[in-house]
Amino acid sequence: MTLKMRKLVLGSTIALMAGTASAAGTLIYCSEGSPEGFDPARYVTGTTFDASAETIFNRLVEFTPGSTQIRPALAEKWSVSADNLTYTFNLRKGVKFHTTSYFKPTRDFNADDVIFTFKRFTDKDFAFNKAAPTDFPYASDMGMDANIVAVEKVDANTVRFKLKSVDAAFLQNLAMSFASIQSAEYADSLLKAGKAAQLNTQPIGTGPFVFRSYQKDANIRFDGNKEYWRKGDVKVDKLIFAITTDASVRYQKLQKGECHVMAYPKPADLKAMQTNPKLTVPTQAGFNTGWLSYNVKQKPFDKLEVRQALDMAINKKSIIDAVFQGAGQPATSLFPPTQWSYNKNLKDAAFNPAKAKELLKKAGVAEGTEVALWAMPVQRPYNPNAKLMAEMIQNDWSKIGIKAKIVTYEWGEYIKRAKAGEAGAILIGWTGDNGDPDNWVGPNMSCEAIGGSNYAQWCNKEFEALVVKGRTTMNQAERVKIYEKAQTIIKSDLPITTIAHSTVYQPMRKEVQGFKISPFGLNSFYGVSVK
């Protein structure tokens, strides 16, 4: 059977299951892209976290669904020392790791699993890291790898974290996807078998869904975890991610009942969705920002005058009208307006192509200069149509004598190459992960995030000092002042052009119950059922 025939058969099978899934307890989610892998510690994208951290794994603490508030998870309770440098966690007893065809656990979750998970971040000489070399972008971009001095086993059900410096967002960071707890027993068995890389392809967790199979660009299959520790969170027998990169096709599948929930609708389809009696489209203000990042280590983006010229040549209003179609608002800051410490006093430079041409001339940039403009191949909460946005920016820049060549790659490759510093100007963005302002500046703009999500390769010492100060200050009023100043530095040095904050719409069939929109742009199926 050819690959094309297999995909046709698979599509027919999923469609048939969707038509009868309600009685069988199968939930089908039309996702927007393939995950980069299944080890959350290695990645930063929501596409990957949806397929791994939000299904297969748990953290010590977690966000209450639909909220930015943390609640107990694998840790039942915790205490913090008076100097805010020691955190002690009492672990939940009786939590089972998944049993699969490739691993059968012999013990419950315990302190060893927590120590293994975090030792990967903090110890470069750790045997498992040497067997399966990888980067841990979130841990390093936020300085967690350097700030955790020790993770100690007090007893089988108690662990103690010791920090070098105060981290005001430490608990929130532990609730993020990258901090998902791995099985030390499984990892040890892989290490002994010489198969450490399998941790990323055949995952084992404690989460609500058990990984069964993955076919790249086609589907991911999970079973409901019948032994899940929080009763009532698993309400379907099977969960299928039907990977469908085209938003129009996702909508067609939703209409036909071939999936129950879809990711990232096209703004142009929203009105029809909202009037379809078979669908419901809950919405909320997006906790996100989309921007254009300039690689300041590449010419001509290394000159401030060039970045200023490119910034003021972009007709942001036209882009928002065409790309977001009423579902977005202009972004003047890296932070969205709903993030505490958002600097409401920031203003964009006026749209001024004539002045932009003067700045380019002053900077010695010849008319006809070519640059690379990278555009995402997938929809994100902060950018529903990167291709169209890139084409509009390309047109705007052509009017000031800059020839932009639009470049794209498969999503995983796009991120990998961007981290390596290959991109010139790149469309990217962020959805907040934990409600703390450090989560915006640390992973995206700090010096330590170069090689991670700081695609601008920008390192500003004054800004960096504010990042460190904000992270180590516990007083919230003081932190507000710190982050407001940090935002002004970004605006003046322009490593990025902020473009828009989107409104989030989540189309689903009316038979779906219990789904809550995540403020962090993730798609979780805890407590979700199908009539």
Protein backbone atom coordinates (compact mmCIF):
# COMPACT_ATOMS: atom_id res chain seq x y z
CA MET A 1 0.00 0.00 0.00
CA THR A 2 1.39 3.44 -0.93
CA LEU A 3 1.81 6.24 1.61
CA LYS A 4 -1.01 8.16 -0.09
CA MET A 5 -3.34 5.13 0.19
CA ARG A 6 -2.42 4.63 3.86
CA LYS A 7 -3.29 8.26 4.59
CA LEU A 8 -6.63 7.90 2.79
CA VAL A 9 -7.47 4.78 4.79
CA LEU A 10 -6.39 6.49 8.00
CA GLY A 11 -8.50 9.53 7.22
CA SER A 12 -11.53 7.33 6.55
CA THR A 13 -10.95 5.45 9.80
CA ILE A 14 -10.78 8.67 11.82
CA ALA A 15 -13.89 10.01 10.10
CA LEU A 16 -15.77 6.80 10.87
CA MET A 17 -14.63 6.91 14.48
CA ALA A 18 -15.73 10.53 14.81
CA GLY A 19 -19.18 9.66 13.60
CA THR A 20 -19.57 7.00 16.28
CA ALA A 21 -17.01 8.24 18.80
CA SER A 22 -19.42 9.67 21.33
CA ALA A 23 -20.69 6.29 22.47
CA ALA A 24 -17.19 4.79 22.46
CA GLY A 25 -15.70 7.70 24.37
CA THR A 26 -13.29 8.89 21.68
CA LEU A 27 -12.36 12.57 21.41
CA ILE A 28 -10.72 13.78 18.20
CA TYR A 29 -8.76 17.02 18.16
CA CYS A 30 -7.79 18.57 14.83
CA SER A 31 -4.36 19.97 15.71
CA GLU A 32 -2.36 22.40 13.59
CA GLY A 33 0.98 20.65 13.27
CA SER A 34 3.29 17.81 14.21
CA PRO A 35 5.12 17.93 17.55
CA GLU A 36 8.89 18.21 17.55
CA GLY A 37 9.05 15.30 20.01
CA PHE A 38 7.52 14.06 23.26
CA ASP A 39 10.08 15.19 25.86
CA PRO A 40 8.70 18.57 27.00
CA ALA A 41 11.99 19.67 28.56
CA ARG A 42 13.58 19.97 25.12
CA TYR A 43 11.06 22.32 23.49
CA VAL A 44 9.25 25.65 23.72
CA THR A 45 6.26 25.41 21.35
CA GLY A 46 2.61 24.94 22.23
CA THR A 47 2.19 22.43 19.39
CA THR A 48 4.66 20.12 21.12
CA PHE A 49 3.38 20.80 24.65
CA ASP A 50 -0.21 19.98 23.64
CA ALA A 51 0.92 16.55 22.43
CA SER A 52 3.16 15.80 25.41
CA ALA A 53 3.04 17.86 28.60
CA GLU A 54 -0.71 18.48 28.45
CA THR A 55 -1.61 14.85 27.84
CA ILE A 56 1.11 12.43 28.96
CA PHE A 57 2.75 14.22 31.90
CA ASN A 58 2.20 16.07 35.17
CA ARG A 59 4.22 18.66 37.08
CA LEU A 60 4.80 19.14 40.81
CA VAL A 61 2.29 21.98 40.69
CA GLU A 62 -0.06 22.90 37.87
CA PHE A 63 -2.32 25.68 36.69
CA THR A 64 -6.00 25.34 37.47
CA PRO A 65 -7.64 24.76 34.05
CA GLY A 66 -8.57 28.08 32.45
CA SER A 67 -6.64 30.04 35.09
CA THR A 68 -3.20 31.45 35.92
CA GLN A 69 -3.51 30.23 39.53
CA ILE A 70 -1.41 27.26 40.62
CA ARG A 71 -2.74 24.26 42.52
CA PRO A 72 -1.18 21.06 43.90
CA ALA A 73 -0.41 18.27 41.43
CA LEU A 74 2.31 15.66 41.99
CA ALA A 75 3.19 17.67 45.10
CA GLU A 76 0.32 17.71 47.57
CA LYS A 77 1.76 20.65 49.52
CA TRP A 78 4.93 22.68 49.91
CA SER A 79 6.69 25.13 52.19
CA VAL A 80 9.13 27.99 51.52
CA SER A 81 11.94 29.12 53.82
CA ALA A 82 12.00 32.65 55.26
CA ASP A 83 14.79 33.68 52.88
CA ASN A 84 12.86 32.30 49.84
CA LEU A 85 15.80 30.09 48.87
CA THR A 86 14.54 26.67 49.97
CA TYR A 87 11.35 24.96 48.74
CA THR A 88 10.24 21.67 50.29
CA PHE A 89 7.64 19.58 48.46
CA ASN A 90 5.57 16.76 49.95
CA LEU A 91 4.84 14.36 47.12
CA ARG A 92 1.56 12.65 46.35
CA LYS A 93 1.54 8.93 47.17
CA GLY A 94 0.14 6.15 45.01
CA VAL A 95 0.63 7.88 41.64
CA LYS A 96 1.20 5.35 38.84
CA PHE A 97 3.41 5.74 35.80
CA HIS A 98 1.93 4.52 32.52
CA THR A 99 2.15 0.90 31.47
CA THR A 100 2.77 0.48 27.75
CA SER A 101 4.04 -2.13 25.30
CA TYR A 102 7.56 -0.74 25.76
CA PHE A 103 7.65 -0.19 29.56
CA LYS A 104 6.03 -1.62 32.67
CA PRO A 105 6.80 0.28 35.89
CA THR A 106 7.62 -1.64 39.08
CA ARG A 107 7.02 1.23 41.51
CA ASP A 108 4.94 4.37 42.03
CA PHE A 109 6.10 7.95 41.46
CA ASN A 110 8.56 9.14 44.11
CA ALA A 111 11.38 11.59 44.91
CA ASP A 112 13.82 9.85 42.55
CA ASP A 113 11.71 10.93 39.58
CA VAL A 114 11.81 14.58 40.63
CA ILE A 115 15.57 14.45 41.13
CA PHE A 116 16.11 12.83 37.72
CA THR A 117 13.90 15.40 35.98
CA PHE A 118 15.73 18.42 37.37
CA LYS A 119 19.22 16.94 37.37
CA ARG A 120 18.97 16.88 33.59
CA PHE A 121 18.73 20.70 33.69
CA THR A 122 21.44 21.37 36.25
CA ASP A 123 24.17 18.77 35.60
CA LYS A 124 25.80 18.74 32.16
CA ASP A 125 27.86 15.70 33.17
CA PHE A 126 24.79 13.68 34.14
CA ALA A 127 25.08 10.24 32.55
CA PHE A 128 21.69 10.46 30.84
CA ASN A 129 22.56 13.82 29.29
CA LYS A 130 25.75 12.38 27.84
CA ALA A 131 23.82 9.43 26.40
CA ALA A 132 21.14 11.69 24.88
CA PRO A 133 22.69 15.15 24.38
CA THR A 134 20.14 17.94 24.10
CA ASP A 135 19.47 21.52 25.10
CA PHE A 136 16.88 22.51 27.70
CA PRO A 137 15.84 25.92 26.36
CA TYR A 138 13.29 26.93 28.97
CA ALA A 139 15.44 25.92 31.92
CA SER A 140 18.43 27.78 30.51
CA ASP A 141 16.57 30.79 29.09
CA MET A 142 15.07 31.52 32.50
CA GLY A 143 18.29 30.79 34.38
CA MET A 144 16.75 27.89 36.26
CA ASP A 145 19.60 25.55 35.34
CA ALA A 146 22.13 27.82 37.06
CA ASN A 147 19.91 28.93 39.93
CA ILE A 148 18.99 25.49 41.29
CA VAL A 149 21.90 24.64 43.59
CA ALA A 150 20.53 21.25 44.67
CA VAL A 151 17.51 18.98 44.55
CA GLU A 152 17.67 16.74 47.61
CA LYS A 153 15.76 13.61 48.53
CA VAL A 154 14.58 14.07 52.11
CA ASP A 155 12.74 10.76 51.93
CA ALA A 156 10.84 8.78 49.30
CA ASN A 157 7.99 11.29 49.32
CA THR A 158 9.74 14.56 50.10
CA VAL A 159 12.13 16.66 48.00
CA ARG A 160 13.93 19.90 48.76
CA PHE A 161 15.04 22.48 46.19
CA LYS A 162 17.81 24.91 47.12
CA LEU A 163 18.26 28.07 45.08
CA LYS A 164 21.29 30.31 44.63
CA SER A 165 19.17 33.46 44.30
CA VAL A 166 15.58 34.37 45.00
CA ASP A 167 13.27 33.55 42.08
CA ALA A 168 9.96 35.35 42.47
CA ALA A 169 8.33 33.13 39.83
CA PHE A 170 9.79 29.78 40.92
CA LEU A 171 6.48 28.06 41.72
CA GLN A 172 4.88 29.37 38.52
CA ASN A 173 7.87 28.09 36.55
CA LEU A 174 7.47 24.62 38.04
CA ALA A 175 3.89 24.54 36.72
CA MET A 176 5.08 25.09 33.15
CA SER A 177 5.13 22.34 30.55
CA PHE A 178 8.92 21.99 30.37
CA ALA A 179 9.04 20.96 34.07
CA SER A 180 7.03 17.76 33.41
CA ILE A 181 8.14 14.90 35.64
CA GLN A 182 9.82 11.95 33.93
CA SER A 183 10.18 8.39 35.24
CA ALA A 184 13.70 7.80 36.58
CA GLU A 185 13.06 4.06 36.42
CA TYR A 186 12.18 4.24 32.71
CA ALA A 187 15.16 6.49 32.00
CA ASP A 188 17.49 4.08 33.79
CA SER A 189 16.19 1.16 31.76
CA LEU A 190 16.75 3.11 28.53
CA LEU A 191 20.25 4.07 29.61
CA LYS A 192 21.18 0.46 30.34
CA ALA A 193 19.76 -0.63 26.98
CA GLY A 194 21.64 2.09 25.08
CA LYS A 195 18.34 3.67 24.00
CA ALA A 196 18.32 6.98 25.89
CA ALA A 197 16.99 8.86 22.83
CA GLN A 198 13.77 6.84 23.12
CA LEU A 199 12.68 9.13 25.98
CA ASN A 200 11.71 11.62 23.28
CA THR A 201 9.88 9.19 21.00
CA GLN A 202 8.21 6.70 23.36
CA PRO A 203 7.20 8.76 26.40
CA ILE A 204 6.17 7.52 29.86
CA GLY A 205 4.38 9.85 32.27
CA THR A 206 1.76 9.99 34.99
CA GLY A 207 -0.70 12.16 33.05
CA PRO A 208 -4.34 11.66 32.07
CA PHE A 209 -3.54 10.06 28.70
CA VAL A 210 -1.24 7.19 27.76
CA PHE A 211 0.79 7.49 24.55
CA ARG A 212 0.07 4.71 22.03
CA SER A 213 1.35 5.74 18.58
CA TYR A 214 2.45 8.61 16.38
CA GLN A 215 2.48 8.98 12.61
CA LYS A 216 4.20 12.23 11.63
CA ASP A 217 1.91 14.73 9.90
CA ALA A 218 -1.03 12.33 10.30
CA ASN A 219 -2.07 11.45 13.86
CA ILE A 220 -1.17 10.83 17.50
CA ARG A 221 -3.16 8.27 19.48
CA PHE A 222 -3.64 8.14 23.23
CA ASP A 223 -5.68 6.00 25.62
CA GLY A 224 -7.41 7.45 28.66
CA ASN A 225 -5.40 6.64 31.79
CA LYS A 226 -7.68 4.39 33.83
CA GLU A 227 -5.31 4.67 36.81
CA TYR A 228 -5.11 8.45 36.81
CA TRP A 229 -4.67 9.86 40.29
CA ARG A 230 -7.23 12.68 40.01
CA LYS A 231 -10.60 11.02 39.60
CA GLY A 232 -12.93 12.69 37.14
CA ASP A 233 -10.22 14.21 34.95
CA VAL A 234 -10.31 11.41 32.37
CA LYS A 235 -13.71 11.23 30.69
CA VAL A 236 -12.88 9.65 27.32
CA ASP A 237 -11.43 6.24 26.51
CA LYS A 238 -9.37 7.48 23.58
CA LEU A 239 -7.89 10.78 22.44
CA ILE A 240 -6.71 11.29 18.85
CA PHE A 241 -4.79 14.25 17.50
CA ALA A 242 -5.70 14.42 13.80
CA ILE A 243 -2.83 16.57 12.50
CA THR A 244 -4.30 18.97 9.93
CA THR A 245 -2.11 21.89 8.96
CA ASP A 246 -4.68 23.71 6.79
CA ALA A 247 -7.19 25.73 8.84
CA SER A 248 -9.85 25.44 6.13
CA VAL A 249 -9.56 21.64 6.17
CA ARG A 250 -9.76 21.64 9.98
CA TYR A 251 -13.00 23.59 9.73
CA GLN A 252 -14.40 21.18 7.14
CA LYS A 253 -13.61 18.25 9.42
CA LEU A 254 -15.25 20.00 12.36
CA GLN A 255 -18.41 20.64 10.34
CA LYS A 256 -18.57 17.01 9.22
CA GLY A 257 -18.01 15.66 12.72
CA GLU A 258 -14.60 14.26 11.78
CA CYS A 259 -13.16 16.08 14.77
CA HIS A 260 -14.71 17.48 17.93
CA VAL A 261 -12.33 20.37 18.66
CA MET A 262 -10.12 22.29 16.24
CA ALA A 263 -7.10 24.53 16.68
CA TYR A 264 -6.69 28.07 15.38
CA PRO A 265 -9.58 28.97 13.07
CA LYS A 266 -9.13 31.41 10.20
CA PRO A 267 -10.55 34.80 11.19
CA ALA A 268 -12.56 34.82 7.95
CA ASP A 269 -14.42 31.66 9.07
CA LEU A 270 -15.44 32.88 12.54
CA LYS A 271 -18.79 34.43 11.60
CA ALA A 272 -19.95 31.23 9.89
CA MET A 273 -18.76 29.14 12.82
CA GLN A 274 -20.61 31.31 15.33
CA THR A 275 -23.89 30.87 13.45
CA ASN A 276 -23.52 27.11 12.90
CA PRO A 277 -26.07 25.38 15.19
CA LYS A 278 -23.77 22.35 15.59
CA LEU A 279 -20.83 24.37 16.87
CA THR A 280 -19.91 26.57 19.79
CA VAL A 281 -17.08 29.11 19.69
CA PRO A 282 -16.00 30.30 23.16
CA THR A 283 -13.62 33.26 23.15
CA GLN A 284 -11.39 35.32 25.43
CA ALA A 285 -8.70 38.00 25.21
CA GLY A 286 -5.44 36.43 24.18
CA PHE A 287 -2.47 36.43 26.55
CA ASN A 288 -0.13 36.72 23.59
CA THR A 289 1.98 38.94 21.37
CA GLY A 290 3.11 38.48 17.78
CA TRP A 291 6.22 40.26 16.58
CA LEU A 292 8.92 40.54 13.94
CA SER A 293 12.38 39.78 15.34
CA TYR A 294 15.54 41.29 13.80
CA ASN A 295 18.76 39.28 14.06
CA VAL A 296 21.06 42.04 15.33
CA LYS A 297 24.14 39.94 14.56
CA GLN A 298 23.34 39.96 10.84
CA LYS A 299 23.75 42.89 8.45
CA PRO A 300 21.91 45.17 7.91
CA PHE A 301 19.88 44.50 11.10
CA ASP A 302 22.93 45.23 13.27
CA LYS A 303 22.33 48.98 12.83
CA LEU A 304 19.67 50.70 14.95
CA GLU A 305 18.81 53.12 12.12
CA VAL A 306 18.00 50.17 9.88
CA ARG A 307 15.74 48.57 12.49
CA GLN A 308 14.02 51.93 13.03
CA ALA A 309 13.49 52.31 9.29
CA LEU A 310 12.08 48.81 8.83
CA ASP A 311 9.83 49.31 11.86
CA MET A 312 8.29 52.59 10.70
CA ALA A 313 7.85 51.28 7.13
CA ILE A 314 5.45 48.54 8.29
CA ASN A 315 1.78 49.48 7.94
CA LYS A 316 0.67 47.76 11.11
CA LYS A 317 -2.97 48.87 10.82
CA SER A 318 -3.33 47.30 7.36
CA ILE A 319 -1.73 44.07 8.60
CA ILE A 320 -4.06 43.82 11.58
CA ASP A 321 -7.11 44.52 9.40
CA ALA A 322 -6.13 41.91 6.79
CA VAL A 323 -4.56 39.18 8.93
CA PHE A 324 -6.60 39.37 12.13
CA GLN A 325 -9.86 40.65 10.61
CA GLY A 326 -11.25 42.14 13.79
CA ALA A 327 -9.70 39.54 16.09
CA GLY A 328 -6.57 41.48 17.04
CA GLN A 329 -5.28 44.77 18.42
CA PRO A 330 -2.01 46.64 17.82
CA ALA A 331 0.88 45.65 20.10
CA THR A 332 3.13 48.44 21.36
CA SER A 333 4.91 46.26 23.93
CA LEU A 334 6.32 42.76 24.21
CA PHE A 335 3.80 42.34 27.07
CA PRO A 336 0.06 41.96 26.41
CA PRO A 337 -2.20 44.49 28.19
CA THR A 338 -3.48 41.78 30.57
CA GLN A 339 0.02 41.11 31.95
CA TRP A 340 0.60 42.96 35.22
CA SER A 341 3.44 45.49 34.80
CA TYR A 342 2.37 46.19 31.17
CA ASN A 343 3.71 49.63 30.22
CA LYS A 344 0.71 51.50 28.86
CA ASN A 345 2.78 54.59 28.07
CA LEU A 346 4.71 53.04 25.17
CA LYS A 347 3.98 54.39 21.69
CA ASP A 348 4.82 53.05 18.24
CA ALA A 349 6.81 55.19 15.82
CA ALA A 350 4.44 56.70 13.25
CA PHE A 351 4.09 54.90 9.92
CA ASN A 352 6.45 56.94 7.76
CA PRO A 353 8.00 55.36 4.63
CA ALA A 354 9.61 58.65 3.58
CA LYS A 355 11.51 58.99 6.84
CA ALA A 356 12.37 55.29 6.69
CA LYS A 357 14.11 55.83 3.31
CA GLU A 358 16.11 58.70 4.82
CA LEU A 359 17.25 56.51 7.72
CA LEU A 360 18.35 53.74 5.37
CA LYS A 361 20.33 56.20 3.31
CA LYS A 362 21.95 57.59 6.47
CA ALA A 363 22.86 54.04 7.50
CA GLY A 364 24.52 53.42 4.13
CA VAL A 365 22.02 50.78 3.00
CA ALA A 366 21.78 50.74 -0.78
CA GLU A 367 18.43 50.64 -2.55
CA GLY A 368 17.67 47.08 -3.63
CA THR A 369 19.37 45.51 -0.59
CA GLU A 370 18.09 41.95 -0.10
CA VAL A 371 17.09 40.49 3.27
CA ALA A 372 15.53 37.22 4.40
CA LEU A 373 12.07 37.43 5.96
CA TRP A 374 11.04 34.22 7.71
CA ALA A 375 7.36 33.26 7.96
CA MET A 376 5.90 30.47 10.11
CA PRO A 377 4.34 27.50 8.30
CA VAL A 378 1.68 27.02 10.98
CA GLN A 379 -0.98 29.12 12.66
CA ARG A 380 -0.23 30.31 16.16
CA PRO A 381 -2.49 32.10 18.66
CA TYR A 382 -0.53 35.31 18.04
CA ASN A 383 -0.45 35.00 14.23
CA PRO A 384 -3.28 33.35 12.27
CA ASN A 385 -1.63 33.84 8.86
CA ALA A 386 2.14 34.40 8.86
CA LYS A 387 2.36 33.97 5.08
CA LEU A 388 -0.01 36.87 4.42
CA MET A 389 1.67 38.98 7.09
CA ALA A 390 5.08 38.35 5.51
CA GLU A 391 3.77 39.25 2.06
CA MET A 392 2.41 42.55 3.38
CA ILE A 393 5.67 43.39 5.13
CA GLN A 394 7.54 42.43 1.95
CA ASN A 395 5.38 44.90 0.02
CA ASP A 396 5.87 47.65 2.63
CA TRP A 397 9.64 47.23 2.60
CA SER A 398 9.79 47.21 -1.20
CA LYS A 399 8.54 50.81 -1.08
CA ILE A 400 11.66 51.86 0.82
CA GLY A 401 14.05 49.93 -1.40
CA ILE A 402 14.40 46.73 0.61
CA LYS A 403 13.87 43.41 -1.21
CA ALA A 404 12.64 40.80 1.23
CA LYS A 405 12.82 37.14 0.26
CA ILE A 406 10.21 35.13 2.19
CA VAL A 407 11.65 31.96 3.75
CA THR A 408 9.83 29.14 5.54
CA TYR A 409 10.50 25.64 6.83
CA GLU A 410 8.57 22.85 8.53
CA TRP A 411 7.72 24.11 12.04
CA GLY A 412 10.29 22.06 13.97
CA GLU A 413 13.01 22.95 11.49
CA TYR A 414 11.94 26.61 11.53
CA ILE A 415 12.46 26.82 15.30
CA LYS A 416 15.70 24.81 15.21
CA ARG A 417 17.28 27.01 12.56
CA ALA A 418 16.06 30.22 14.21
CA LYS A 419 17.65 29.19 17.51
CA ALA A 420 20.90 28.59 15.65
CA GLY A 421 20.83 32.22 14.49
CA GLU A 422 20.14 31.52 10.82
CA ALA A 423 17.10 33.80 10.52
CA GLY A 424 17.40 37.40 9.40
CA ALA A 425 14.03 38.98 10.17
CA ILE A 426 11.62 36.37 11.54
CA LEU A 427 7.92 36.36 12.34
CA ILE A 428 7.47 34.77 15.73
CA GLY A 429 5.64 35.49 18.99
CA TRP A 430 4.76 34.25 22.42
CA THR A 431 1.85 33.20 24.55
CA GLY A 432 2.50 33.68 28.27
CA ASP A 433 3.29 30.48 30.14
CA ASN A 434 2.76 31.33 33.79
CA GLY A 435 1.35 34.83 34.32
CA ASP A 436 4.66 36.30 35.51
CA PRO A 437 6.42 39.10 33.60
CA ASP A 438 9.76 37.29 33.81
CA ASN A 439 8.27 34.72 31.44
CA TRP A 440 8.18 37.39 28.71
CA VAL A 441 11.59 38.99 29.13
CA GLY A 442 13.67 36.00 30.26
CA PRO A 443 12.97 33.43 27.52
CA ASN A 444 12.64 35.94 24.69
CA MET A 445 14.98 38.87 25.22
CA SER A 446 17.66 38.00 27.78
CA CYS A 447 21.33 37.37 26.98
CA GLU A 448 21.04 33.85 28.41
CA ALA A 449 18.22 33.12 25.92
CA ILE A 450 20.51 33.52 22.88
CA GLY A 451 20.53 30.07 21.33
CA GLY A 452 17.02 29.62 22.72
CA SER A 453 13.99 31.78 22.00
CA ASN A 454 15.93 35.05 21.72
CA TYR A 455 15.84 34.92 17.92
CA ALA A 456 17.07 38.53 17.74
CA GLN A 457 20.38 37.36 19.24
CA TRP A 458 20.10 40.62 21.23
CA CYS A 459 22.09 41.18 24.44
CA ASN A 460 21.69 44.53 26.18
CA LYS A 461 23.54 44.81 29.51
CA GLU A 462 21.19 47.40 31.03
CA PHE A 463 18.20 45.28 30.07
CA GLU A 464 19.89 42.12 31.38
CA ALA A 465 20.46 43.74 34.78
CA LEU A 466 16.74 44.51 34.97
CA VAL A 467 15.84 40.91 34.09
CA VAL A 468 17.99 39.64 36.96
CA LYS A 469 16.69 42.30 39.36
CA GLY A 470 13.07 41.58 38.46
CA ARG A 471 13.53 37.87 38.97
CA THR A 472 15.16 38.28 42.40
CA THR A 473 12.79 40.93 43.80
CA MET A 474 9.80 39.70 45.79
CA ASN A 475 8.00 43.05 46.18
CA GLN A 476 5.47 43.30 43.36
CA ALA A 477 5.31 47.10 43.28
CA GLU A 478 9.07 47.21 42.77
CA ARG A 479 8.86 44.55 40.10
CA VAL A 480 6.28 46.62 38.20
CA LYS A 481 8.76 49.52 37.96
CA ILE A 482 11.55 47.18 36.84
CA TYR A 483 9.52 45.60 34.03
CA GLU A 484 8.07 48.91 32.86
CA LYS A 485 11.63 50.18 32.38
CA ALA A 486 12.66 46.94 30.65
CA GLN A 487 9.88 47.43 28.12
CA THR A 488 11.09 50.96 27.32
CA ILE A 489 14.59 49.62 26.54
CA ILE A 490 13.16 47.10 24.06
CA LYS A 491 11.17 49.89 22.45
CA SER A 492 14.16 52.19 22.10
CA ASP A 493 16.69 49.61 20.88
CA LEU A 494 14.14 47.80 18.64
CA PRO A 495 15.38 44.20 18.46
CA ILE A 496 11.75 43.46 17.60
CA THR A 497 8.78 45.16 15.99
CA THR A 498 5.72 44.26 18.03
CA ILE A 499 2.70 43.75 15.78
CA ALA A 500 -0.45 42.42 17.45
CA HIS A 501 -2.22 40.74 20.34
CA SER A 502 -4.95 38.38 19.15
CA THR A 503 -8.31 37.41 20.52
CA VAL A 504 -8.53 33.65 21.05
CA TYR A 505 -11.44 31.69 19.57
CA GLN A 506 -11.90 27.98 20.27
CA PRO A 507 -14.36 26.25 17.89
CA MET A 508 -15.78 22.90 18.94
CA ARG A 509 -18.83 20.76 18.42
CA LYS A 510 -21.68 21.28 20.87
CA GLU A 511 -21.41 17.72 22.16
CA VAL A 512 -18.03 18.59 23.74
CA GLN A 513 -18.33 19.41 27.43
CA GLY A 514 -15.83 20.67 29.98
CA PHE A 515 -13.25 22.24 27.64
CA LYS A 516 -11.68 25.41 29.05
CA ILE A 517 -9.61 27.92 27.09
CA SER A 518 -6.10 28.12 28.50
CA PRO A 519 -4.72 31.62 29.08
CA PHE A 520 -1.38 30.14 27.97
CA GLY A 521 -2.55 29.06 24.52
CA LEU A 522 -2.38 25.34 25.32
CA ASN A 523 -5.01 22.72 24.54
CA SER A 524 -5.71 20.39 27.45
CA PHE A 525 -8.34 17.68 27.66
CA TYR A 526 -8.52 17.28 31.44
CA GLY A 527 -12.16 16.73 32.40
CA VAL A 528 -13.37 17.00 28.78
CA SER A 529 -16.11 14.66 27.62
CA VAL A 530 -18.18 14.05 24.49
CA LYS A 531 -21.90 13.45 24.73
